[in-house]
Structure formats: C-alpha cells, structure tokens
Amino acid sequence: MFSNGIPIEYLVSVNKAVQFIESNLDQNLTLESVSAIACYSPFHFHRIFKNVTNETLNNYISRKRIEKAASILLHKHEVSITEISSQYGFNSNSSFTRSFKKFYSLNPSTFRQQGPAQFSKIGEIESKMGQVYKNLEAYFCDMNNLKNWIEMNAKIEIKEMPELNLAYVTSLGHKGIAAAYDVLVKWAKPKGILELAATKIVTIYHDSFKITSPEKVRISACVTLNAPISASGQVGLRTIEKGRCIVASAELELKDFGNAWKGLFVWMAENGYKKAERNPYEIYHNDYRNHPQQKSVVDFCIPIE
C-alpha cells in the first residue's frame, strides 16, 4: 500500500490487514484478530490503521461489508437480501437496511432495482457534475451507446486467462496510482525485470467505482514475474489465478478507459455473464508514451463464473 510520509513498516502491516479483511468479510472480524495479522498490539494497530487509511478499523470493516453487499445486489440477483444480511453479520433485515440506506441513501431492494447508474458512489459524483441521466429513457439510450462503443472499439472474447505471478504496490485512492507505479518501477528496474520481453504491466481494481468513492478505492500497480523473486517494503507478491474472463482488447487513449470499462460491464450483462469474485484487471502491451498517438494497447479483463 502506498502513502506519502507513512513509515514503510506501517504500510506493510496495514496492507496485510486489508487483504485479511477482504478475504474474511463474512467472519467475525475484531480489533484483536486483525491486529494479530498485522503483528501489532490492538492499541498500536488501531492508531496505525487510522493514520494510513483515514478510517477507524470498525468503520473500514463496516464500509467494506456494505460495499460487498452492494456488489452482490448488482451482480447476483439470485441471492436474496435476507441471505446477504445474514452472511455479512447483520442481526436482521431491518438493521441491514438501516446501515445500507445510511451509506447509499437507498434501501437494498431499490438499489438492486435501479442499478448503479444514478445511485452508486460514482453516480453521486456525476450528479454534482450535472451528468446524471435525466430520465429512464436517456439511461437506456446511454447503455446502448456504451455497448455499441465497446463493440466498435475493442475485440471482445471469452478467454481462459493464464495464472499471473506479480509484484505489486497498492494505492489507497485513485490519485495515488501514479506514485504506486513509481515505487514499483524503481524496485523492478535495477532487477532487470522491465527489460524482459515477456514482462507486462498490470493494474488490478480491488474496488468498483460504481460502489466505492474514488478516494477510497484500492488499486494495485503490478508487474508480471517470470521467475521466483523476493520482495520487501511496499512491494508485495501476489497471484492472479487462472480463470475464464471477458477480455476486451483495444488500442485506446487513456481518456477512453472509463468508457471501455463501463461498456464492457454493460456488454457482460447484456450477454448473460456473471462477474466472478475475482478482481477485474488491465494488461498493458506497450508504453503509451512511445505510441505515435499516445494510445495504450491494452486488455480489459473481467473474471466471470
């Protein structure tokens, strides 16, 4: 995890804790259990966690559970609200509804019916910018435009994607991703990793902009590894497991990445595919700065069931 001015050992410990929380949202997560993963006393870890994330541990866990519930509501209509409420530790449907409504200003059933376009976190931001759709007809027109746009600008396939072994630095908030890549490149360059023809740069999105506010999304800057290596400090090691994905291969300017992701998710829904639990990611095949039109040759990958 990357953050300016924070001791590296704190970042490493919080990163371990965040990964543990992400994998155990349906378990009883306490300050004691999470701080043990981070290798700090509960007293010290509570302070460290807030310094790094600007949230208390309890608030962070509560937010992640609500966001996980929102993701299930959007992508898995077969899972009932009662099942979601029970799985993520709410005492009743009413307590889940109160917590959800406090966060999204909608009850869970309305959120599921309306979808993310007008009422998600990104929708709130768009509303302030005057970009929210004025009516349902305009909304569906825009969805069709997005689907048509991705079909015209990318080659879309269903692929079995290989396992990827990665070194990574995670950014908390979308504005920190450039700095995270800077840390990663400074680590990888002297090791000769970037000079290998097989090396690819990868970005992993741990949170959805449809659900999580941009300043709180976690994004990992990654580089593929072709041989075992050790990592330390802010640089960690992780694996993207092999699996079936919707892959949109395109040559785009950076400003078009948002439309590519939106259009691909619309395409996924229109074609009856369901997103898997694994995180979406991008694989870059060039350095856009060396492209005559400053375009990236990139694969947009959505893991599916």
C-alpha atoms as a PDB file:
ATOM      1  CA  MET A   1       0.000   0.000   0.000  1.00  0.00           C
ATOM      2  CA  PHE A   2       1.338   3.426  -0.934  1.00  0.00           C
ATOM      3  CA  SER A   3       1.005   6.582   1.146  1.00  0.00           C
ATOM      4  CA  ASN A   4       3.312   9.577   1.426  1.00  0.00           C
ATOM      5  CA  GLY A   5       5.037  10.200   4.756  1.00  0.00           C
ATOM      6  CA  ILE A   6       3.953   6.932   6.417  1.00  0.00           C
ATOM      7  CA  PRO A   7       6.677   4.544   7.661  1.00  0.00           C
ATOM      8  CA  ILE A   8       7.038   1.558   5.333  1.00  0.00           C
ATOM      9  CA  GLU A   9       6.576  -0.968   8.142  1.00  0.00           C
ATOM     10  CA  TYR A  10       3.166   0.574   8.910  1.00  0.00           C
ATOM     11  CA  LEU A  11       2.113   0.350   5.261  1.00  0.00           C
ATOM     12  CA  VAL A  12       3.164  -3.297   5.073  1.00  0.00           C
ATOM     13  CA  SER A  13       1.212  -4.189   8.230  1.00  0.00           C
ATOM     14  CA  VAL A  14      -1.934  -2.353   7.117  1.00  0.00           C
ATOM     15  CA  ASN A  15      -1.721  -3.984   3.686  1.00  0.00           C
ATOM     16  CA  LYS A  16      -1.656  -7.429   5.336  1.00  0.00           C
ATOM     17  CA  ALA A  17      -4.643  -6.470   7.451  1.00  0.00           C
ATOM     18  CA  VAL A  18      -6.629  -5.108   4.487  1.00  0.00           C
ATOM     19  CA  GLN A  19      -6.057  -8.306   2.493  1.00  0.00           C
ATOM     20  CA  PHE A  20      -7.148 -10.362   5.507  1.00  0.00           C
ATOM     21  CA  ILE A  21     -10.292  -8.262   5.924  1.00  0.00           C
ATOM     22  CA  GLU A  22     -11.129  -8.533   2.217  1.00  0.00           C
ATOM     23  CA  SER A  23     -10.935 -12.340   2.386  1.00  0.00           C
ATOM     24  CA  ASN A  24     -12.924 -12.638   5.620  1.00  0.00           C
ATOM     25  CA  LEU A  25     -15.765 -10.132   5.443  1.00  0.00           C
ATOM     26  CA  ASP A  26     -18.226 -12.893   6.338  1.00  0.00           C
ATOM     27  CA  GLN A  27     -16.295 -13.764   9.515  1.00  0.00           C
ATOM     28  CA  ASN A  28     -16.193 -12.163  12.969  1.00  0.00           C
ATOM     29  CA  LEU A  29     -13.507  -9.523  12.480  1.00  0.00           C
ATOM     30  CA  THR A  30     -12.290  -7.961  15.725  1.00  0.00           C
ATOM     31  CA  LEU A  31      -9.536  -5.479  16.512  1.00  0.00           C
ATOM     32  CA  GLU A  32      -7.688  -8.292  18.255  1.00  0.00           C
ATOM     33  CA  SER A  33      -7.878 -10.734  15.333  1.00  0.00           C
ATOM     34  CA  VAL A  34      -6.907  -8.169  12.688  1.00  0.00           C
ATOM     35  CA  SER A  35      -4.085  -6.619  14.730  1.00  0.00           C
ATOM     36  CA  ALA A  36      -2.630 -10.118  15.244  1.00  0.00           C
ATOM     37  CA  ILE A  37      -2.378 -10.488  11.445  1.00  0.00           C
ATOM     38  CA  ALA A  38      -0.624  -7.108  11.317  1.00  0.00           C
ATOM     39  CA  CYS A  39       1.770  -8.125  14.127  1.00  0.00           C
ATOM     40  CA  TYR A  40       0.966  -5.156  16.357  1.00  0.00           C
ATOM     41  CA  SER A  41      -0.832  -4.800  19.660  1.00  0.00           C
ATOM     42  CA  PRO A  42      -4.503  -3.793  19.334  1.00  0.00           C
ATOM     43  CA  PHE A  43      -3.761  -0.404  20.902  1.00  0.00           C
ATOM     44  CA  HIS A  44      -0.978   0.475  18.472  1.00  0.00           C
ATOM     45  CA  PHE A  45      -2.642  -1.045  15.425  1.00  0.00           C
ATOM     46  CA  HIS A  46      -5.822   0.972  15.930  1.00  0.00           C
ATOM     47  CA  ARG A  47      -3.765   4.175  15.675  1.00  0.00           C
ATOM     48  CA  ILE A  48      -1.615   2.925  12.769  1.00  0.00           C
ATOM     49  CA  PHE A  49      -4.634   1.803  10.734  1.00  0.00           C
ATOM     50  CA  LYS A  50      -6.353   5.175  11.066  1.00  0.00           C
ATOM     51  CA  ASN A  51      -3.161   7.057  10.163  1.00  0.00           C
ATOM     52  CA  VAL A  52      -2.787   5.066   6.939  1.00  0.00           C
ATOM     53  CA  THR A  53      -6.418   4.789   5.806  1.00  0.00           C
ATOM     54  CA  ASN A  54      -8.043   7.849   7.448  1.00  0.00           C
ATOM     55  CA  GLU A  55     -10.697   5.476   8.809  1.00  0.00           C
ATOM     56  CA  THR A  56     -11.048   3.591  12.061  1.00  0.00           C
ATOM     57  CA  LEU A  57     -10.836  -0.176  11.712  1.00  0.00           C
ATOM     58  CA  ASN A  58     -14.511  -0.620  12.643  1.00  0.00           C
ATOM     59  CA  ASN A  59     -15.639   1.966  10.097  1.00  0.00           C
ATOM     60  CA  TYR A  60     -13.486   0.378   7.415  1.00  0.00           C
ATOM     61  CA  ILE A  61     -14.878  -3.117   8.049  1.00  0.00           C
ATOM     62  CA  SER A  62     -18.461  -1.801   8.111  1.00  0.00           C
ATOM     63  CA  ARG A  63     -17.933   0.084   4.834  1.00  0.00           C
ATOM     64  CA  LYS A  64     -16.365  -2.916   3.114  1.00  0.00           C
ATOM     65  CA  ARG A  65     -19.268  -5.153   4.184  1.00  0.00           C
ATOM     66  CA  ILE A  66     -21.829  -2.678   2.858  1.00  0.00           C
ATOM     67  CA  GLU A  67     -19.892  -2.328  -0.411  1.00  0.00           C
ATOM     68  CA  LYS A  68     -19.649  -6.116  -0.712  1.00  0.00           C
ATOM     69  CA  ALA A  69     -23.402  -6.321  -0.197  1.00  0.00           C
ATOM     70  CA  ALA A  70     -23.901  -3.651  -2.876  1.00  0.00           C
ATOM     71  CA  SER A  71     -21.762  -5.636  -5.321  1.00  0.00           C
ATOM     72  CA  ILE A  72     -23.826  -8.779  -4.712  1.00  0.00           C
ATOM     73  CA  LEU A  73     -27.060  -6.821  -5.146  1.00  0.00           C
ATOM     74  CA  LEU A  74     -25.846  -5.578  -8.533  1.00  0.00           C
ATOM     75  CA  HIS A  75     -24.282  -8.748  -9.914  1.00  0.00           C
ATOM     76  CA  LYS A  76     -26.102 -11.668  -8.245  1.00  0.00           C
ATOM     77  CA  HIS A  77     -29.836 -11.143  -8.377  1.00  0.00           C
ATOM     78  CA  GLU A  78     -30.451 -14.723  -7.321  1.00  0.00           C
ATOM     79  CA  VAL A  79     -29.042 -14.011  -3.821  1.00  0.00           C
ATOM     80  CA  SER A  80     -31.782 -12.706  -1.546  1.00  0.00           C
ATOM     81  CA  ILE A  81     -31.442  -9.668   0.688  1.00  0.00           C
ATOM     82  CA  THR A  82     -32.018 -11.938   3.705  1.00  0.00           C
ATOM     83  CA  GLU A  83     -29.092 -14.142   2.651  1.00  0.00           C
ATOM     84  CA  ILE A  84     -26.822 -11.112   2.198  1.00  0.00           C
ATOM     85  CA  SER A  85     -27.858  -9.674   5.558  1.00  0.00           C
ATOM     86  CA  SER A  86     -27.156 -12.938   7.356  1.00  0.00           C
ATOM     87  CA  GLN A  87     -23.866 -13.684   5.606  1.00  0.00           C
ATOM     88  CA  TYR A  88     -22.303 -10.337   6.472  1.00  0.00           C
ATOM     89  CA  GLY A  89     -23.177 -10.212  10.140  1.00  0.00           C
ATOM     90  CA  PHE A  90     -26.332  -8.120  10.386  1.00  0.00           C
ATOM     91  CA  ASN A  91     -28.800  -9.131  13.088  1.00  0.00           C
ATOM     92  CA  SER A  92     -31.841  -8.630  10.862  1.00  0.00           C
ATOM     93  CA  ASN A  93     -33.005  -7.335   7.512  1.00  0.00           C
ATOM     94  CA  SER A  94     -34.057  -4.096   9.188  1.00  0.00           C
ATOM     95  CA  SER A  95     -30.593  -3.444  10.673  1.00  0.00           C
ATOM     96  CA  PHE A  96     -29.008  -4.227   7.285  1.00  0.00           C
ATOM     97  CA  THR A  97     -31.449  -1.870   5.547  1.00  0.00           C
ATOM     98  CA  ARG A  98     -30.700   0.941   8.013  1.00  0.00           C
ATOM     99  CA  SER A  99     -26.944   0.561   7.547  1.00  0.00           C
ATOM    100  CA  PHE A 100     -27.219   0.281   3.765  1.00  0.00           C
ATOM    101  CA  LYS A 101     -29.531   3.286   3.466  1.00  0.00           C
ATOM    102  CA  LYS A 102     -27.207   5.379   5.622  1.00  0.00           C
ATOM    103  CA  PHE A 103     -24.404   4.687   3.170  1.00  0.00           C
ATOM    104  CA  TYR A 104     -26.207   4.792  -0.218  1.00  0.00           C
ATOM    105  CA  SER A 105     -29.359   6.802   0.660  1.00  0.00           C
ATOM    106  CA  LEU A 106     -31.456   3.913  -0.690  1.00  0.00           C
ATOM    107  CA  ASN A 107     -32.753   0.673   0.740  1.00  0.00           C
ATOM    108  CA  PRO A 108     -31.188  -2.508  -0.693  1.00  0.00           C
ATOM    109  CA  SER A 109     -34.170  -3.528  -2.810  1.00  0.00           C
ATOM    110  CA  THR A 110     -34.396  -0.126  -4.524  1.00  0.00           C
ATOM    111  CA  PHE A 111     -30.624  -0.123  -5.095  1.00  0.00           C
ATOM    112  CA  ARG A 112     -30.906  -3.519  -6.785  1.00  0.00           C
ATOM    113  CA  GLN A 113     -33.862  -2.458  -8.943  1.00  0.00           C
ATOM    114  CA  GLN A 114     -32.392   0.847 -10.080  1.00  0.00           C
ATOM    115  CA  GLY A 115     -28.816  -0.318 -10.679  1.00  0.00           C
ATOM    116  CA  PRO A 116     -25.695   1.747 -10.185  1.00  0.00           C
ATOM    117  CA  ALA A 117     -26.012   4.418 -12.839  1.00  0.00           C
ATOM    118  CA  GLN A 118     -27.875   7.002 -10.776  1.00  0.00           C
ATOM    119  CA  PHE A 119     -27.393   5.924  -7.201  1.00  0.00           C
ATOM    120  CA  SER A 120     -23.915   4.493  -6.706  1.00  0.00           C
ATOM    121  CA  LYS A 121     -20.974   6.428  -5.317  1.00  0.00           C
ATOM    122  CA  ILE A 122     -19.807   7.302  -8.801  1.00  0.00           C
ATOM    123  CA  GLY A 123     -23.368   8.370  -9.578  1.00  0.00           C
ATOM    124  CA  GLU A 124     -23.247  10.840  -6.690  1.00  0.00           C
ATOM    125  CA  ILE A 125     -20.099  12.377  -8.150  1.00  0.00           C
ATOM    126  CA  GLU A 126     -21.600  12.536 -11.628  1.00  0.00           C
ATOM    127  CA  SER A 127     -24.688  14.177 -10.179  1.00  0.00           C
ATOM    128  CA  LYS A 128     -22.578  17.034  -8.837  1.00  0.00           C
ATOM    129  CA  MET A 129     -21.092  17.428 -12.302  1.00  0.00           C
ATOM    130  CA  GLY A 130     -24.517  17.568 -13.896  1.00  0.00           C
ATOM    131  CA  GLN A 131     -24.011  14.330 -15.826  1.00  0.00           C
ATOM    132  CA  VAL A 132     -26.661  12.096 -14.288  1.00  0.00           C
ATOM    133  CA  TYR A 133     -29.276  10.905 -16.733  1.00  0.00           C
ATOM    134  CA  LYS A 134     -32.470  12.899 -16.640  1.00  0.00           C
ATOM    135  CA  ASN A 135     -34.861  10.013 -17.140  1.00  0.00           C
ATOM    136  CA  LEU A 136     -35.023   6.293 -17.707  1.00  0.00           C
ATOM    137  CA  GLU A 137     -35.260   6.627 -21.493  1.00  0.00           C
ATOM    138  CA  ALA A 138     -31.983   8.564 -21.574  1.00  0.00           C
ATOM    139  CA  TYR A 139     -30.412   5.974 -19.266  1.00  0.00           C
ATOM    140  CA  PHE A 140     -31.209   3.045 -21.549  1.00  0.00           C
ATOM    141  CA  CYS A 141     -30.104   5.052 -24.588  1.00  0.00           C
ATOM    142  CA  ASP A 142     -26.755   5.650 -22.915  1.00  0.00           C
ATOM    143  CA  MET A 143     -26.406   1.961 -22.005  1.00  0.00           C
ATOM    144  CA  ASN A 144     -26.934   1.050 -25.664  1.00  0.00           C
ATOM    145  CA  ASN A 145     -24.389   3.665 -26.711  1.00  0.00           C
ATOM    146  CA  LEU A 146     -21.824   2.266 -24.283  1.00  0.00           C
ATOM    147  CA  LYS A 147     -22.368  -1.284 -25.553  1.00  0.00           C
ATOM    148  CA  ASN A 148     -22.081  -0.138 -29.150  1.00  0.00           C
ATOM    149  CA  TRP A 149     -18.960   1.887 -28.306  1.00  0.00           C
ATOM    150  CA  ILE A 150     -17.093  -1.064 -26.766  1.00  0.00           C
ATOM    151  CA  GLU A 151     -18.097  -3.370 -29.625  1.00  0.00           C
ATOM    152  CA  MET A 152     -16.794  -0.856 -32.181  1.00  0.00           C
ATOM    153  CA  ASN A 153     -13.557  -0.043 -30.356  1.00  0.00           C
ATOM    154  CA  ALA A 154     -12.487  -3.411 -28.962  1.00  0.00           C
ATOM    155  CA  LYS A 155     -12.285  -7.080 -29.863  1.00  0.00           C
ATOM    156  CA  ILE A 156     -14.299  -8.920 -27.196  1.00  0.00           C
ATOM    157  CA  GLU A 157     -13.631 -12.581 -26.434  1.00  0.00           C
ATOM    158  CA  ILE A 158     -14.273 -15.129 -23.707  1.00  0.00           C
ATOM    159  CA  LYS A 159     -10.864 -16.496 -22.752  1.00  0.00           C
ATOM    160  CA  GLU A 160      -9.245 -18.811 -20.234  1.00  0.00           C
ATOM    161  CA  MET A 161      -6.643 -16.414 -18.886  1.00  0.00           C
ATOM    162  CA  PRO A 162      -3.384 -17.832 -17.503  1.00  0.00           C
ATOM    163  CA  GLU A 163      -2.107 -17.508 -13.965  1.00  0.00           C
ATOM    164  CA  LEU A 164      -0.095 -14.313 -13.469  1.00  0.00           C
ATOM    165  CA  ASN A 165       2.583 -14.021 -10.788  1.00  0.00           C
ATOM    166  CA  LEU A 166       3.019 -10.393  -9.849  1.00  0.00           C
ATOM    167  CA  ALA A 167       4.976  -7.912  -7.800  1.00  0.00           C
ATOM    168  CA  TYR A 168       2.702  -5.067  -6.723  1.00  0.00           C
ATOM    169  CA  VAL A 169       2.237  -1.823  -4.806  1.00  0.00           C
ATOM    170  CA  THR A 170      -1.298  -0.912  -3.763  1.00  0.00           C
ATOM    171  CA  SER A 171      -2.677   2.620  -3.826  1.00  0.00           C
ATOM    172  CA  LEU A 172      -5.461   3.722  -1.483  1.00  0.00           C
ATOM    173  CA  GLY A 173      -7.384   6.185  -3.636  1.00  0.00           C
ATOM    174  CA  HIS A 174      -7.215   6.632  -7.406  1.00  0.00           C
ATOM    175  CA  LYS A 175      -4.931   9.671  -7.186  1.00  0.00           C
ATOM    176  CA  GLY A 176      -2.133   7.583  -5.699  1.00  0.00           C
ATOM    177  CA  ILE A 177      -1.769   5.056  -8.528  1.00  0.00           C
ATOM    178  CA  ALA A 178       0.929   7.033 -10.382  1.00  0.00           C
ATOM    179  CA  ALA A 179       3.042   7.217  -7.219  1.00  0.00           C
ATOM    180  CA  ALA A 180       2.478   3.495  -6.615  1.00  0.00           C
ATOM    181  CA  TYR A 181       3.783   2.734 -10.112  1.00  0.00           C
ATOM    182  CA  ASP A 182       6.776   4.974  -9.451  1.00  0.00           C
ATOM    183  CA  VAL A 183       7.675   2.920  -6.362  1.00  0.00           C
ATOM    184  CA  LEU A 184       7.197  -0.326  -8.302  1.00  0.00           C
ATOM    185  CA  VAL A 185       9.326   0.765 -11.281  1.00  0.00           C
ATOM    186  CA  LYS A 186      12.157   1.922  -9.007  1.00  0.00           C
ATOM    187  CA  TRP A 187      12.110  -1.543  -7.406  1.00  0.00           C
ATOM    188  CA  ALA A 188      11.842  -3.513 -10.666  1.00  0.00           C
ATOM    189  CA  LYS A 189      14.253  -1.595 -12.908  1.00  0.00           C
ATOM    190  CA  PRO A 190      17.567  -2.492 -11.199  1.00  0.00           C
ATOM    191  CA  LYS A 191      16.483  -6.143 -11.150  1.00  0.00           C
ATOM    192  CA  GLY A 192      16.172  -6.181 -14.949  1.00  0.00           C
ATOM    193  CA  ILE A 193      12.504  -7.158 -14.807  1.00  0.00           C
ATOM    194  CA  LEU A 194      11.315  -4.376 -17.102  1.00  0.00           C
ATOM    195  CA  GLU A 195      13.819  -5.287 -19.817  1.00  0.00           C
ATOM    196  CA  LEU A 196      12.403  -8.794 -20.284  1.00  0.00           C
ATOM    197  CA  ALA A 197      10.253  -9.151 -23.417  1.00  0.00           C
ATOM    198  CA  ALA A 198       7.689 -11.264 -21.553  1.00  0.00           C
ATOM    199  CA  THR A 199       7.137  -8.684 -18.796  1.00  0.00           C
ATOM    200  CA  LYS A 200       3.743  -6.978 -18.717  1.00  0.00           C
ATOM    201  CA  ILE A 201       2.405  -4.126 -16.619  1.00  0.00           C
ATOM    202  CA  VAL A 202      -0.913  -4.916 -14.932  1.00  0.00           C
ATOM    203  CA  THR A 203      -3.435  -2.846 -12.959  1.00  0.00           C
ATOM    204  CA  ILE A 204      -5.823  -4.626 -10.566  1.00  0.00           C
ATOM    205  CA  TYR A 205      -9.031  -2.949  -9.355  1.00  0.00           C
ATOM    206  CA  HIS A 206      -9.961  -4.247  -5.898  1.00  0.00           C
ATOM    207  CA  ASP A 207     -12.983  -1.963  -5.625  1.00  0.00           C
ATOM    208  CA  SER A 208     -15.594  -0.817  -8.112  1.00  0.00           C
ATOM    209  CA  PHE A 209     -16.007   2.869  -8.925  1.00  0.00           C
ATOM    210  CA  LYS A 210     -19.747   2.101  -9.141  1.00  0.00           C
ATOM    211  CA  ILE A 211     -19.731   1.253  -5.430  1.00  0.00           C
ATOM    212  CA  THR A 212     -16.723   2.853  -3.734  1.00  0.00           C
ATOM    213  CA  SER A 213     -15.811   6.547  -3.646  1.00  0.00           C
ATOM    214  CA  PRO A 214     -12.723   7.281  -5.802  1.00  0.00           C
ATOM    215  CA  GLU A 215     -10.662   8.468  -2.831  1.00  0.00           C
ATOM    216  CA  LYS A 216     -11.198   5.101  -1.125  1.00  0.00           C
ATOM    217  CA  VAL A 217     -10.800   2.622  -3.999  1.00  0.00           C
ATOM    218  CA  ARG A 218      -7.823   0.267  -3.769  1.00  0.00           C
ATOM    219  CA  ILE A 219      -5.851  -0.180  -6.984  1.00  0.00           C
ATOM    220  CA  SER A 220      -2.698  -2.277  -7.366  1.00  0.00           C
ATOM    221  CA  ALA A 221       0.133  -1.320  -9.708  1.00  0.00           C
ATOM    222  CA  CYS A 222       1.720  -4.607 -10.814  1.00  0.00           C
ATOM    223  CA  VAL A 223       4.467  -6.090 -12.944  1.00  0.00           C
ATOM    224  CA  THR A 224       4.481  -9.724 -14.087  1.00  0.00           C
ATOM    225  CA  LEU A 225       7.240 -12.024 -12.834  1.00  0.00           C
ATOM    226  CA  ASN A 226       8.743 -14.839 -14.867  1.00  0.00           C
ATOM    227  CA  ALA A 227      10.900 -16.301 -12.085  1.00  0.00           C
ATOM    228  CA  PRO A 228      10.723 -16.520  -8.276  1.00  0.00           C
ATOM    229  CA  ILE A 229      11.898 -13.373  -6.503  1.00  0.00           C
ATOM    230  CA  SER A 230      11.746 -11.885  -3.026  1.00  0.00           C
ATOM    231  CA  ALA A 231      10.076  -8.568  -2.244  1.00  0.00           C
ATOM    232  CA  SER A 232      10.054  -6.294   0.758  1.00  0.00           C
ATOM    233  CA  GLY A 233       8.787  -2.963   1.992  1.00  0.00           C
ATOM    234  CA  GLN A 234       5.909  -1.507  -0.008  1.00  0.00           C
ATOM    235  CA  VAL A 235       6.364  -4.098  -2.775  1.00  0.00           C
ATOM    236  CA  GLY A 236       4.469  -7.345  -2.255  1.00  0.00           C
ATOM    237  CA  LEU A 237       3.900 -10.540  -4.202  1.00  0.00           C
ATOM    238  CA  ARG A 238       0.534 -11.875  -5.344  1.00  0.00           C
ATOM    239  CA  THR A 239      -1.007 -14.135  -7.963  1.00  0.00           C
ATOM    240  CA  ILE A 240      -3.965 -13.675 -10.296  1.00  0.00           C
ATOM    241  CA  GLU A 241      -5.316 -17.195 -10.590  1.00  0.00           C
ATOM    242  CA  LYS A 242      -6.117 -18.575 -13.995  1.00  0.00           C
ATOM    243  CA  GLY A 243      -9.750 -18.495 -14.994  1.00  0.00           C
ATOM    244  CA  ARG A 244     -12.381 -17.559 -17.518  1.00  0.00           C
ATOM    245  CA  CYS A 245     -12.632 -13.870 -18.372  1.00  0.00           C
ATOM    246  CA  ILE A 246     -14.351 -11.481 -20.718  1.00  0.00           C
ATOM    247  CA  VAL A 247     -11.390  -9.848 -22.456  1.00  0.00           C
ATOM    248  CA  ALA A 248     -11.703  -6.655 -24.496  1.00  0.00           C
ATOM    249  CA  SER A 249      -8.543  -5.988 -26.492  1.00  0.00           C
ATOM    250  CA  ALA A 250      -8.232  -2.382 -27.626  1.00  0.00           C
ATOM    251  CA  GLU A 251      -5.932   0.443 -28.635  1.00  0.00           C
ATOM    252  CA  LEU A 252      -7.185   3.488 -26.760  1.00  0.00           C
ATOM    253  CA  GLU A 253      -6.219   6.843 -25.326  1.00  0.00           C
ATOM    254  CA  LEU A 254      -6.166   6.992 -21.532  1.00  0.00           C
ATOM    255  CA  LYS A 255      -9.232   9.249 -21.537  1.00  0.00           C
ATOM    256  CA  ASP A 256     -11.284   6.400 -23.056  1.00  0.00           C
ATOM    257  CA  PHE A 257     -10.559   3.831 -20.327  1.00  0.00           C
ATOM    258  CA  GLY A 258     -13.671   4.820 -18.352  1.00  0.00           C
ATOM    259  CA  ASN A 259     -15.961   4.224 -21.330  1.00  0.00           C
ATOM    260  CA  ALA A 260     -14.205   0.925 -22.038  1.00  0.00           C
ATOM    261  CA  TRP A 261     -14.916  -0.413 -18.568  1.00  0.00           C
ATOM    262  CA  LYS A 262     -18.496   0.888 -18.495  1.00  0.00           C
ATOM    263  CA  GLY A 263     -19.212  -0.523 -21.943  1.00  0.00           C
ATOM    264  CA  LEU A 264     -17.676  -3.896 -21.106  1.00  0.00           C
ATOM    265  CA  PHE A 265     -19.777  -4.299 -17.979  1.00  0.00           C
ATOM    266  CA  VAL A 266     -22.892  -3.410 -19.990  1.00  0.00           C
ATOM    267  CA  TRP A 267     -21.835  -5.993 -22.611  1.00  0.00           C
ATOM    268  CA  MET A 268     -21.395  -8.578 -19.847  1.00  0.00           C
ATOM    269  CA  ALA A 269     -24.922  -8.009 -18.536  1.00  0.00           C
ATOM    270  CA  GLU A 270     -26.485  -7.916 -21.999  1.00  0.00           C
ATOM    271  CA  ASN A 271     -24.892 -11.263 -22.856  1.00  0.00           C
ATOM    272  CA  GLY A 272     -25.911 -13.015 -19.642  1.00  0.00           C
ATOM    273  CA  TYR A 273     -22.491 -13.404 -17.999  1.00  0.00           C
ATOM    274  CA  LYS A 274     -21.947 -13.038 -14.247  1.00  0.00           C
ATOM    275  CA  LYS A 275     -18.887 -11.492 -12.691  1.00  0.00           C
ATOM    276  CA  ALA A 276     -16.831 -13.866 -10.556  1.00  0.00           C
ATOM    277  CA  GLU A 277     -15.453 -12.953  -7.120  1.00  0.00           C
ATOM    278  CA  ARG A 278     -12.032 -12.242  -8.624  1.00  0.00           C
ATOM    279  CA  ASN A 279     -10.970  -8.653  -9.351  1.00  0.00           C
ATOM    280  CA  PRO A 280     -11.042  -7.024 -12.828  1.00  0.00           C
ATOM    281  CA  TYR A 281      -7.671  -6.051 -14.240  1.00  0.00           C
ATOM    282  CA  GLU A 282      -5.869  -4.458 -17.181  1.00  0.00           C
ATOM    283  CA  ILE A 283      -2.851  -5.868 -19.017  1.00  0.00           C
ATOM    284  CA  TYR A 284      -0.766  -3.353 -20.984  1.00  0.00           C
ATOM    285  CA  HIS A 285       1.171  -4.443 -24.065  1.00  0.00           C
ATOM    286  CA  ASN A 286       3.029  -1.191 -24.778  1.00  0.00           C
ATOM    287  CA  ASP A 287       4.191   2.075 -23.267  1.00  0.00           C
ATOM    288  CA  TYR A 288       1.621   4.604 -24.488  1.00  0.00           C
ATOM    289  CA  ARG A 289       4.277   7.339 -24.375  1.00  0.00           C
ATOM    290  CA  ASN A 290       6.044   5.628 -27.283  1.00  0.00           C
ATOM    291  CA  HIS A 291       2.864   5.333 -29.364  1.00  0.00           C
ATOM    292  CA  PRO A 292       2.545   7.954 -32.163  1.00  0.00           C
ATOM    293  CA  GLN A 293      -0.983   8.770 -30.953  1.00  0.00           C
ATOM    294  CA  GLN A 294      -0.281   8.264 -27.242  1.00  0.00           C
ATOM    295  CA  LYS A 295      -2.509   5.174 -27.168  1.00  0.00           C
ATOM    296  CA  SER A 296      -2.335   2.113 -24.949  1.00  0.00           C
ATOM    297  CA  VAL A 297      -2.578  -1.397 -26.360  1.00  0.00           C
ATOM    298  CA  VAL A 298      -4.481  -2.988 -23.501  1.00  0.00           C
ATOM    299  CA  ASP A 299      -6.633  -5.954 -22.475  1.00  0.00           C
ATOM    300  CA  PHE A 300      -9.547  -5.179 -20.146  1.00  0.00           C
ATOM    301  CA  CYS A 301     -10.310  -8.378 -18.214  1.00  0.00           C
ATOM    302  CA  ILE A 302     -13.463  -9.183 -16.208  1.00  0.00           C
ATOM    303  CA  PRO A 303     -13.352 -12.594 -14.474  1.00  0.00           C
ATOM    304  CA  ILE A 304     -16.647 -14.448 -14.926  1.00  0.00           C
ATOM    305  CA  GLU A 305     -18.296 -17.516 -13.442  1.00  0.00           C
END
